[in-house]
Amino acid sequence: MSLLLDPRLAADTVPVAELALCSVRLMDDARFGWLVLVPRQEGLVEVTDLPADERELMWQEVELAGEALREVFPCDKLNIGALGNIVRQLHVHVVARREGDAAWPGPVWGSGVAEPYTPAERQARVAELAAVLSSAAGGS
């Protein structure tokens, strides 16, 4: 199913992979390893808007995203959040955090100014993450 992506998500992220339920996107901020998962269904705002089986699948995909981040962006802690205060479309952030990173120990949201990847860095990170996600998801 195609997805009409919120303009803010489209502007701040780049596509990485398509999983069974979610589109996986890389936040264009080189300060953090940061993925955003967006279920490909219109009109979702809250996690509870998904049927129970799809909620379970979404959390499995969040786990895959966390595994990919740990491999590509070694970290001390994963932060997972579905805030939706600014962008109402249901999306889940999975962020690889390192002690001493640009926002540590606070949240990444609203911390400083994003530092976009260079085109070469962005392409390399997307390729690495896509390869790990494909392998972890069984090549699907």
Protein backbone atom coordinates (compact mmCIF):
# COMPACT_ATOMS: atom_id res chain seq x y z
CA MET A 1 0.00 0.00 0.00
CA SER A 2 1.36 3.43 -0.87
CA LEU A 3 1.53 6.08 1.79
CA LEU A 4 0.99 9.80 1.71
CA LEU A 5 3.83 10.88 3.99
CA ASP A 6 3.45 13.94 6.21
CA PRO A 7 5.44 16.78 4.60
CA ARG A 8 7.63 17.24 7.69
CA LEU A 9 8.60 13.57 7.72
CA ALA A 10 9.27 13.73 3.99
CA ALA A 11 11.47 16.81 4.44
CA ASP A 12 13.44 15.52 7.45
CA THR A 13 14.01 11.89 6.43
CA VAL A 14 15.15 9.73 3.52
CA PRO A 15 13.87 6.27 2.59
CA VAL A 16 15.85 3.24 3.74
CA ALA A 17 13.65 0.16 3.39
CA GLU A 18 10.12 -1.17 3.19
CA LEU A 19 9.20 -3.76 5.80
CA ALA A 20 5.92 -5.68 5.93
CA LEU A 21 4.05 -2.88 7.73
CA CYS A 22 6.32 0.15 7.91
CA SER A 23 8.40 2.35 5.71
CA VAL A 24 11.78 2.82 7.38
CA ARG A 25 13.37 6.25 6.96
CA LEU A 26 16.66 7.76 8.12
CA MET A 27 16.45 11.09 9.93
CA ASP A 28 18.79 13.47 8.09
CA ASP A 29 20.78 14.44 11.19
CA ALA A 30 24.31 13.05 11.25
CA ARG A 31 24.61 13.71 15.00
CA PHE A 32 22.52 10.61 15.74
CA GLY A 33 21.76 7.22 14.24
CA TRP A 34 18.02 7.79 13.93
CA LEU A 35 15.36 5.80 12.12
CA VAL A 36 11.68 6.61 11.78
CA LEU A 37 9.16 3.85 11.08
CA VAL A 38 5.88 4.86 9.45
CA PRO A 39 3.08 2.32 9.00
CA ARG A 40 1.84 2.45 5.40
CA GLN A 41 -1.79 3.14 6.28
CA GLU A 42 -3.68 6.40 6.05
CA GLY A 43 -5.33 8.07 9.02
CA LEU A 44 -3.29 6.51 11.83
CA VAL A 45 -2.44 8.82 14.72
CA GLU A 46 -1.95 6.60 17.76
CA VAL A 47 -0.28 3.20 18.12
CA THR A 48 -3.64 1.98 19.38
CA ASP A 49 -5.20 2.87 16.00
CA LEU A 50 -3.54 -0.29 14.66
CA PRO A 51 -5.29 -3.65 15.14
CA ALA A 52 -3.55 -5.83 17.76
CA ASP A 53 -1.81 -8.06 15.20
CA GLU A 54 -0.41 -5.04 13.36
CA ARG A 55 0.72 -3.43 16.64
CA GLU A 56 2.67 -6.61 17.34
CA LEU A 57 4.18 -6.49 13.84
CA MET A 58 5.10 -2.83 14.28
CA TRP A 59 7.01 -3.60 17.49
CA GLN A 60 8.79 -6.46 15.73
CA GLU A 61 9.84 -3.99 13.05
CA VAL A 62 10.96 -1.49 15.71
CA GLU A 63 13.13 -4.29 17.12
CA LEU A 64 14.62 -4.89 13.65
CA ALA A 65 15.32 -1.17 13.32
CA GLY A 66 17.06 -1.18 16.70
CA GLU A 67 19.22 -4.13 15.66
CA ALA A 68 20.18 -2.35 12.44
CA LEU A 69 21.05 0.83 14.32
CA ARG A 70 23.20 -1.07 16.81
CA GLU A 71 25.14 -2.63 13.95
CA VAL A 72 25.61 0.57 11.92
CA PHE A 73 25.74 3.11 14.78
CA PRO A 74 27.21 1.38 17.87
CA CYS A 75 25.45 2.85 20.88
CA ASP A 76 25.02 2.75 24.64
CA LYS A 77 21.21 3.03 24.59
CA LEU A 78 18.29 2.91 22.18
CA ASN A 79 15.57 5.53 22.58
CA ILE A 80 12.16 4.60 21.17
CA GLY A 81 9.30 7.06 20.99
CA ALA A 82 5.98 7.72 19.29
CA LEU A 83 5.26 11.30 20.28
CA GLY A 84 3.20 12.79 17.47
CA ASN A 85 2.80 16.20 19.09
CA ILE A 86 3.98 18.04 15.97
CA VAL A 87 3.53 15.41 13.23
CA ARG A 88 0.21 13.69 13.86
CA GLN A 89 0.79 10.83 11.39
CA LEU A 90 1.72 7.71 13.34
CA HIS A 91 5.47 7.20 13.30
CA VAL A 92 7.96 5.67 15.71
CA HIS A 93 11.44 7.05 16.33
CA VAL A 94 14.28 4.65 17.06
CA VAL A 95 17.44 6.53 18.04
CA ALA A 96 20.91 5.17 18.77
CA ARG A 97 22.30 7.15 21.68
CA ARG A 98 25.86 7.38 22.95
CA GLU A 99 26.93 8.84 26.25
CA GLY A 100 28.27 12.29 25.45
CA ASP A 101 26.38 12.68 22.15
CA ALA A 102 25.08 16.11 21.16
CA ALA A 103 21.94 15.78 23.31
CA TRP A 104 23.07 13.39 26.07
CA PRO A 105 21.47 12.73 28.49
CA GLY A 106 18.42 14.66 27.32
CA PRO A 107 16.08 13.83 24.45
CA VAL A 108 17.14 14.37 20.84
CA TRP A 109 13.96 16.28 19.99
CA GLY A 110 14.59 20.02 19.97
CA SER A 111 18.27 19.63 20.87
CA GLY A 112 20.44 21.97 18.85
CA VAL A 113 20.34 22.22 15.08
CA ALA A 114 20.26 19.18 12.83
CA GLU A 115 23.47 18.50 10.91
CA PRO A 116 22.46 16.96 7.59
CA TYR A 117 24.54 14.13 6.18
CA THR A 118 26.68 14.85 3.16
CA PRO A 119 25.22 13.13 0.09
CA ALA A 120 27.97 10.47 0.21
CA GLU A 121 27.48 9.85 3.96
CA ARG A 122 23.70 9.65 3.54
CA GLN A 123 24.02 7.17 0.67
CA ALA A 124 26.48 5.01 2.64
CA ARG A 125 24.35 4.96 5.81
CA VAL A 126 21.17 4.16 3.87
CA ALA A 127 22.94 1.30 2.05
CA GLU A 128 24.36 -0.12 5.31
CA LEU A 129 21.03 0.09 7.12
CA ALA A 130 19.08 -1.33 4.18
CA ALA A 131 21.46 -4.29 3.96
CA VAL A 132 21.17 -5.05 7.68
CA LEU A 133 17.37 -4.68 7.64
CA SER A 134 17.07 -6.92 4.58
CA SER A 135 19.23 -9.58 6.19
CA ALA A 136 17.41 -9.36 9.55
CA ALA A 137 13.99 -9.45 7.88
CA GLY A 138 14.92 -12.59 5.97
CA GLY A 139 15.74 -10.86 2.70
CA SER A 140 12.21 -9.58 2.19
